[in-house]
Amino acid sequence: MPAGVSWSHYLKMFGASALSMFAGAELVHRYYRPDLSVPDVPPKPGELHTELLGLKGRESKPEMMVGLEHLKQ
């Protein structure tokens, strides 16, 4: 009896938490779309430039930035 609960309850909670973790990881990878290609020659220090491909594809500004534009003026 782990944590003082029945095995069935423990396994249900473990399954739900594992499923939630995997779904969250999949969501993050679909949003940020990481570049998983490995170059033949690694870049020298200072040559590596990264960008968020998930943000590059958007045509509009994020809602948070639209609301904060009046503060810049």
PDB file of N, CA and C in Angstrom:
ATOM      1  N   MET A   1       0.828  -1.190   0.000  1.00  0.00           N
ATOM      2  CA  MET A   1       0.000   0.000   0.000  1.00  0.00           C
ATOM      3  C   MET A   1       0.878   1.260   0.000  1.00  0.00           C
ATOM      4  N   PRO A   2       1.258   1.732  -1.153  1.00  0.00           N
ATOM      5  CA  PRO A   2       2.043   2.963  -1.205  1.00  0.00           C
ATOM      6  C   PRO A   2       1.203   4.172  -0.801  1.00  0.00           C
ATOM      7  N   ALA A   3       1.763   5.007   0.002  1.00  0.00           N
ATOM      8  CA  ALA A   3       1.141   6.261   0.447  1.00  0.00           C
ATOM      9  C   ALA A   3      -0.176   6.039   1.183  1.00  0.00           C
ATOM     10  N   GLY A   4      -0.418   4.851   1.678  1.00  0.00           N
ATOM     11  CA  GLY A   4      -1.618   4.593   2.463  1.00  0.00           C
ATOM     12  C   GLY A   4      -2.902   4.497   1.659  1.00  0.00           C
ATOM     13  N   VAL A   5      -2.829   4.256   0.353  1.00  0.00           N
ATOM     14  CA  VAL A   5      -4.032   4.098  -0.474  1.00  0.00           C
ATOM     15  C   VAL A   5      -4.009   2.710  -1.096  1.00  0.00           C
ATOM     16  N   SER A   6      -5.131   2.292  -1.645  1.00  0.00           N
ATOM     17  CA  SER A   6      -5.205   0.962  -2.253  1.00  0.00           C
ATOM     18  C   SER A   6      -4.393   0.929  -3.550  1.00  0.00           C
ATOM     19  N   TRP A   7      -4.012  -0.279  -3.952  1.00  0.00           N
ATOM     20  CA  TRP A   7      -3.215  -0.423  -5.167  1.00  0.00           C
ATOM     21  C   TRP A   7      -3.985   0.063  -6.392  1.00  0.00           C
ATOM     22  N   SER A   8      -5.279  -0.184  -6.455  1.00  0.00           N
ATOM     23  CA  SER A   8      -6.049   0.252  -7.627  1.00  0.00           C
ATOM     24  C   SER A   8      -6.064   1.776  -7.728  1.00  0.00           C
ATOM     25  N   HIS A   9      -6.257   2.448  -6.608  1.00  0.00           N
ATOM     26  CA  HIS A   9      -6.256   3.916  -6.613  1.00  0.00           C
ATOM     27  C   HIS A   9      -4.862   4.444  -6.955  1.00  0.00           C
ATOM     28  N   TYR A  10      -3.837   3.804  -6.412  1.00  0.00           N
ATOM     29  CA  TYR A  10      -2.463   4.220  -6.679  1.00  0.00           C
ATOM     30  C   TYR A  10      -2.137   4.078  -8.165  1.00  0.00           C
ATOM     31  N   LEU A  11      -2.519   2.950  -8.770  1.00  0.00           N
ATOM     32  CA  LEU A  11      -2.229   2.728 -10.184  1.00  0.00           C
ATOM     33  C   LEU A  11      -3.028   3.664 -11.083  1.00  0.00           C
ATOM     34  N   LYS A  12      -4.267   3.976 -10.710  1.00  0.00           N
ATOM     35  CA  LYS A  12      -5.057   4.939 -11.483  1.00  0.00           C
ATOM     36  C   LYS A  12      -4.415   6.318 -11.453  1.00  0.00           C
ATOM     37  N   MET A  13      -3.993   6.749 -10.284  1.00  0.00           N
ATOM     38  CA  MET A  13      -3.366   8.068 -10.162  1.00  0.00           C
ATOM     39  C   MET A  13      -2.020   8.105 -10.886  1.00  0.00           C
ATOM     40  N   PHE A  14      -1.254   7.014 -10.793  1.00  0.00           N
ATOM     41  CA  PHE A  14       0.018   6.939 -11.494  1.00  0.00           C
ATOM     42  C   PHE A  14      -0.200   7.007 -13.004  1.00  0.00           C
ATOM     43  N   GLY A  15      -1.181   6.268 -13.506  1.00  0.00           N
ATOM     44  CA  GLY A  15      -1.490   6.285 -14.938  1.00  0.00           C
ATOM     45  C   GLY A  15      -1.946   7.659 -15.406  1.00  0.00           C
ATOM     46  N   ALA A  16      -2.786   8.312 -14.609  1.00  0.00           N
ATOM     47  CA  ALA A  16      -3.270   9.643 -14.978  1.00  0.00           C
ATOM     48  C   ALA A  16      -2.135  10.660 -14.982  1.00  0.00           C
ATOM     49  N   SER A  17      -1.239  10.574 -14.005  1.00  0.00           N
ATOM     50  CA  SER A  17      -0.134  11.534 -13.960  1.00  0.00           C
ATOM     51  C   SER A  17       0.862  11.277 -15.088  1.00  0.00           C
ATOM     52  N   ALA A  18       1.123  10.016 -15.422  1.00  0.00           N
ATOM     53  CA  ALA A  18       2.032   9.703 -16.530  1.00  0.00           C
ATOM     54  C   ALA A  18       1.440  10.169 -17.855  1.00  0.00           C
ATOM     55  N   LEU A  19       0.148   9.927 -18.062  1.00  0.00           N
ATOM     56  CA  LEU A  19      -0.516  10.375 -19.282  1.00  0.00           C
ATOM     57  C   LEU A  19      -0.485  11.893 -19.388  1.00  0.00           C
ATOM     58  N   SER A  20      -0.711  12.580 -18.288  1.00  0.00           N
ATOM     59  CA  SER A  20      -0.666  14.037 -18.276  1.00  0.00           C
ATOM     60  C   SER A  20       0.732  14.551 -18.608  1.00  0.00           C
ATOM     61  N   MET A  21       1.753  13.900 -18.074  1.00  0.00           N
ATOM     62  CA  MET A  21       3.131  14.307 -18.336  1.00  0.00           C
ATOM     63  C   MET A  21       3.470  14.128 -19.816  1.00  0.00           C
ATOM     64  N   PHE A  22       3.112  12.988 -20.396  1.00  0.00           N
ATOM     65  CA  PHE A  22       3.410  12.738 -21.804  1.00  0.00           C
ATOM     66  C   PHE A  22       2.624  13.680 -22.714  1.00  0.00           C
ATOM     67  N   ALA A  23       1.378  13.969 -22.373  1.00  0.00           N
ATOM     68  CA  ALA A  23       0.576  14.896 -23.171  1.00  0.00           C
ATOM     69  C   ALA A  23       1.167  16.303 -23.109  1.00  0.00           C
ATOM     70  N   GLY A  24       1.634  16.721 -21.945  1.00  0.00           N
ATOM     71  CA  GLY A  24       2.256  18.037 -21.818  1.00  0.00           C
ATOM     72  C   GLY A  24       3.544  18.135 -22.604  1.00  0.00           C
ATOM     73  N   ALA A  25       4.352  17.086 -22.590  1.00  0.00           N
ATOM     74  CA  ALA A  25       5.597  17.086 -23.363  1.00  0.00           C
ATOM     75  C   ALA A  25       5.298  17.152 -24.853  1.00  0.00           C
ATOM     76  N   GLU A  26       4.285  16.427 -25.304  1.00  0.00           N
ATOM     77  CA  GLU A  26       3.911  16.460 -26.717  1.00  0.00           C
ATOM     78  C   GLU A  26       3.407  17.847 -27.112  1.00  0.00           C
ATOM     79  N   LEU A  27       2.621  18.461 -26.257  1.00  0.00           N
ATOM     80  CA  LEU A  27       2.107  19.801 -26.527  1.00  0.00           C
ATOM     81  C   LEU A  27       3.239  20.818 -26.648  1.00  0.00           C
ATOM     82  N   VAL A  28       4.201  20.764 -25.748  1.00  0.00           N
ATOM     83  CA  VAL A  28       5.330  21.692 -25.787  1.00  0.00           C
ATOM     84  C   VAL A  28       6.150  21.479 -27.055  1.00  0.00           C
ATOM     85  N   HIS A  29       6.387  20.219 -27.447  1.00  0.00           N
ATOM     86  CA  HIS A  29       7.170  19.963 -28.647  1.00  0.00           C
ATOM     87  C   HIS A  29       6.423  20.372 -29.909  1.00  0.00           C
ATOM     88  N   ARG A  30       5.117  20.263 -29.910  1.00  0.00           N
ATOM     89  CA  ARG A  30       4.357  20.726 -31.081  1.00  0.00           C
ATOM     90  C   ARG A  30       4.327  22.250 -31.153  1.00  0.00           C
ATOM     91  N   TYR A  31       4.318  22.932 -30.014  1.00  0.00           N
ATOM     92  CA  TYR A  31       4.273  24.396 -30.000  1.00  0.00           C
ATOM     93  C   TYR A  31       5.618  25.000 -30.400  1.00  0.00           C
ATOM     94  N   TYR A  32       6.698  24.529 -29.803  1.00  0.00           N
ATOM     95  CA  TYR A  32       8.014  25.113 -30.057  1.00  0.00           C
ATOM     96  C   TYR A  32       8.736  24.478 -31.233  1.00  0.00           C
ATOM     97  N   ARG A  33       8.278  23.338 -31.712  1.00  0.00           N
ATOM     98  CA  ARG A  33       8.868  22.629 -32.842  1.00  0.00           C
ATOM     99  C   ARG A  33      10.391  22.648 -32.803  1.00  0.00           C
ATOM    100  N   PRO A  34      11.018  21.868 -31.932  1.00  0.00           N
ATOM    101  CA  PRO A  34      12.479  21.898 -31.821  1.00  0.00           C
ATOM    102  C   PRO A  34      13.149  21.348 -33.071  1.00  0.00           C
ATOM    103  N   ASP A  35      14.313  21.894 -33.404  1.00  0.00           N
ATOM    104  CA  ASP A  35      15.097  21.435 -34.538  1.00  0.00           C
ATOM    105  C   ASP A  35      15.908  20.232 -34.075  1.00  0.00           C
ATOM    106  N   LEU A  36      15.532  19.048 -34.520  1.00  0.00           N
ATOM    107  CA  LEU A  36      16.182  17.827 -34.069  1.00  0.00           C
ATOM    108  C   LEU A  36      17.262  17.349 -35.032  1.00  0.00           C
ATOM    109  N   SER A  37      17.578  18.156 -36.047  1.00  0.00           N
ATOM    110  CA  SER A  37      18.636  17.761 -36.972  1.00  0.00           C
ATOM    111  C   SER A  37      20.000  17.990 -36.325  1.00  0.00           C
ATOM    112  N   VAL A  38      20.932  17.115 -36.624  1.00  0.00           N
ATOM    113  CA  VAL A  38      22.276  17.212 -36.067  1.00  0.00           C
ATOM    114  C   VAL A  38      23.222  17.607 -37.199  1.00  0.00           C
ATOM    115  N   PRO A  39      23.910  18.743 -37.087  1.00  0.00           N
ATOM    116  CA  PRO A  39      24.819  19.152 -38.163  1.00  0.00           C
ATOM    117  C   PRO A  39      26.055  18.259 -38.214  1.00  0.00           C
ATOM    118  N   ASP A  40      26.677  18.166 -39.416  1.00  0.00           N
ATOM    119  CA  ASP A  40      27.898  17.371 -39.564  1.00  0.00           C
ATOM    120  C   ASP A  40      29.033  17.958 -38.740  1.00  0.00           C
ATOM    121  N   VAL A  41      29.169  19.279 -38.795  1.00  0.00           N
ATOM    122  CA  VAL A  41      30.227  19.966 -38.056  1.00  0.00           C
ATOM    123  C   VAL A  41      29.554  20.858 -37.022  1.00  0.00           C
ATOM    124  N   PRO A  42      29.870  20.693 -35.752  1.00  0.00           N
ATOM    125  CA  PRO A  42      29.232  21.551 -34.746  1.00  0.00           C
ATOM    126  C   PRO A  42      29.650  23.007 -34.919  1.00  0.00           C
ATOM    127  N   PRO A  43      28.754  23.948 -34.658  1.00  0.00           N
ATOM    128  CA  PRO A  43      29.100  25.364 -34.815  1.00  0.00           C
ATOM    129  C   PRO A  43      30.128  25.803 -33.783  1.00  0.00           C
ATOM    130  N   LYS A  44      30.906  26.800 -34.176  1.00  0.00           N
ATOM    131  CA  LYS A  44      31.899  27.358 -33.256  1.00  0.00           C
ATOM    132  C   LYS A  44      31.176  28.194 -32.208  1.00  0.00           C
ATOM    133  N   PRO A  45      31.800  28.419 -31.063  1.00  0.00           N
ATOM    134  CA  PRO A  45      31.156  29.243 -30.033  1.00  0.00           C
ATOM    135  C   PRO A  45      30.789  30.625 -30.578  1.00  0.00           C
ATOM    136  N   GLY A  46      29.558  31.032 -30.369  1.00  0.00           N
ATOM    137  CA  GLY A  46      29.080  32.331 -30.825  1.00  0.00           C
ATOM    138  C   GLY A  46      28.406  32.298 -32.182  1.00  0.00           C
ATOM    139  N   GLU A  47      28.497  31.186 -32.919  1.00  0.00           N
ATOM    140  CA  GLU A  47      27.890  31.094 -34.247  1.00  0.00           C
ATOM    141  C   GLU A  47      26.469  30.542 -34.217  1.00  0.00           C
ATOM    142  N   LEU A  48      26.082  29.927 -33.136  1.00  0.00           N
ATOM    143  CA  LEU A  48      24.780  29.285 -33.062  1.00  0.00           C
ATOM    144  C   LEU A  48      23.690  30.327 -32.827  1.00  0.00           C
ATOM    145  N   HIS A  49      22.742  30.405 -33.746  1.00  0.00           N
ATOM    146  CA  HIS A  49      21.607  31.322 -33.618  1.00  0.00           C
ATOM    147  C   HIS A  49      20.341  30.479 -33.578  1.00  0.00           C
ATOM    148  N   THR A  50      19.566  30.638 -32.541  1.00  0.00           N
ATOM    149  CA  THR A  50      18.330  29.877 -32.408  1.00  0.00           C
ATOM    150  C   THR A  50      17.141  30.810 -32.554  1.00  0.00           C
ATOM    151  N   GLU A  51      16.028  30.235 -32.952  1.00  0.00           N
ATOM    152  CA  GLU A  51      14.792  31.003 -33.063  1.00  0.00           C
ATOM    153  C   GLU A  51      13.630  30.082 -32.723  1.00  0.00           C
ATOM    154  N   LEU A  52      12.568  30.668 -32.273  1.00  0.00           N
ATOM    155  CA  LEU A  52      11.376  29.901 -31.938  1.00  0.00           C
ATOM    156  C   LEU A  52      10.539  29.747 -33.197  1.00  0.00           C
ATOM    157  N   LEU A  53      10.554  28.547 -33.783  1.00  0.00           N
ATOM    158  CA  LEU A  53       9.820  28.323 -35.016  1.00  0.00           C
ATOM    159  C   LEU A  53       8.318  28.422 -34.801  1.00  0.00           C
ATOM    160  N   GLY A  54       7.855  28.113 -33.607  1.00  0.00           N
ATOM    161  CA  GLY A  54       6.429  28.223 -33.319  1.00  0.00           C
ATOM    162  C   GLY A  54       5.952  29.661 -33.347  1.00  0.00           C
ATOM    163  N   LEU A  55       6.813  30.585 -32.937  1.00  0.00           N
ATOM    164  CA  LEU A  55       6.448  31.996 -32.950  1.00  0.00           C
ATOM    165  C   LEU A  55       6.677  32.617 -34.320  1.00  0.00           C
ATOM    166  N   LYS A  56       7.597  32.056 -35.105  1.00  0.00           N
ATOM    167  CA  LYS A  56       7.908  32.603 -36.418  1.00  0.00           C
ATOM    168  C   LYS A  56       6.721  32.451 -37.371  1.00  0.00           C
ATOM    169  N   GLY A  57       5.967  31.379 -37.228  1.00  0.00           N
ATOM    170  CA  GLY A  57       4.856  31.115 -38.126  1.00  0.00           C
ATOM    171  C   GLY A  57       3.626  31.958 -37.859  1.00  0.00           C
ATOM    172  N   ARG A  58       3.578  32.644 -36.732  1.00  0.00           N
ATOM    173  CA  ARG A  58       2.403  33.456 -36.405  1.00  0.00           C
ATOM    174  C   ARG A  58       2.400  34.744 -37.216  1.00  0.00           C
ATOM    175  N   GLU A  59       1.223  35.141 -37.641  1.00  0.00           N
ATOM    176  CA  GLU A  59       1.098  36.392 -38.379  1.00  0.00           C
ATOM    177  C   GLU A  59       0.735  37.552 -37.463  1.00  0.00           C
ATOM    178  N   SER A  60       0.054  37.265 -36.376  1.00  0.00           N
ATOM    179  CA  SER A  60      -0.367  38.335 -35.478  1.00  0.00           C
ATOM    180  C   SER A  60       0.478  38.322 -34.220  1.00  0.00           C
ATOM    181  N   LYS A  61       0.441  39.429 -33.499  1.00  0.00           N
ATOM    182  CA  LYS A  61       1.175  39.526 -32.245  1.00  0.00           C
ATOM    183  C   LYS A  61       0.432  38.755 -31.162  1.00  0.00           C
ATOM    184  N   PRO A  62       1.159  38.232 -30.187  1.00  0.00           N
ATOM    185  CA  PRO A  62       0.474  37.585 -29.064  1.00  0.00           C
ATOM    186  C   PRO A  62      -0.443  38.574 -28.351  1.00  0.00           C
ATOM    187  N   GLU A  63      -1.515  38.066 -27.775  1.00  0.00           N
ATOM    188  CA  GLU A  63      -2.500  38.931 -27.128  1.00  0.00           C
ATOM    189  C   GLU A  63      -1.886  39.760 -26.010  1.00  0.00           C
ATOM    190  N   MET A  64      -0.931  39.207 -25.302  1.00  0.00           N
ATOM    191  CA  MET A  64      -0.314  39.922 -24.198  1.00  0.00           C
ATOM    192  C   MET A  64       0.422  41.163 -24.716  1.00  0.00           C
ATOM    193  N   MET A  65       1.108  41.034 -25.856  1.00  0.00           N
ATOM    194  CA  MET A  65       1.869  42.155 -26.397  1.00  0.00           C
ATOM    195  C   MET A  65       0.940  43.244 -26.933  1.00  0.00           C
ATOM    196  N   VAL A  66      -0.200  42.855 -27.497  1.00  0.00           N
ATOM    197  CA  VAL A  66      -1.151  43.842 -28.003  1.00  0.00           C
ATOM    198  C   VAL A  66      -1.677  44.688 -26.853  1.00  0.00           C
ATOM    199  N   GLY A  67      -1.933  44.062 -25.713  1.00  0.00           N
ATOM    200  CA  GLY A  67      -2.457  44.784 -24.559  1.00  0.00           C
ATOM    201  C   GLY A  67      -1.436  45.688 -23.905  1.00  0.00           C
ATOM    202  N   LEU A  68      -0.145  45.398 -24.080  1.00  0.00           N
ATOM    203  CA  LEU A  68       0.902  46.174 -23.419  1.00  0.00           C
ATOM    204  C   LEU A  68       1.492  47.278 -24.290  1.00  0.00           C
ATOM    205  N   GLU A  69       1.054  47.400 -25.550  1.00  0.00           N
ATOM    206  CA  GLU A  69       1.635  48.411 -26.436  1.00  0.00           C
ATOM    207  C   GLU A  69       1.390  49.832 -25.945  1.00  0.00           C
ATOM    208  N   HIS A  70       0.277  50.070 -25.283  1.00  0.00           N
ATOM    209  CA  HIS A  70      -0.014  51.422 -24.820  1.00  0.00           C
ATOM    210  C   HIS A  70       0.939  51.846 -23.705  1.00  0.00           C
ATOM    211  N   LEU A  71       1.577  50.901 -23.026  1.00  0.00           N
ATOM    212  CA  LEU A  71       2.521  51.241 -21.961  1.00  0.00           C
ATOM    213  C   LEU A  71       3.839  51.774 -22.510  1.00  0.00           C
ATOM    214  N   LYS A  72       4.187  51.399 -23.735  1.00  0.00           N
ATOM    215  CA  LYS A  72       5.443  51.853 -24.331  1.00  0.00           C
ATOM    216  C   LYS A  72       5.382  53.330 -24.707  1.00  0.00           C
ATOM    217  N   GLN A  73       4.203  53.832 -24.990  1.00  0.00           N
ATOM    218  CA  GLN A  73       4.068  55.210 -25.484  1.00  0.00           C
ATOM    219  C   GLN A  73       4.088  56.223 -24.389  1.00  0.00           C
TER     220      GLN A  73
END
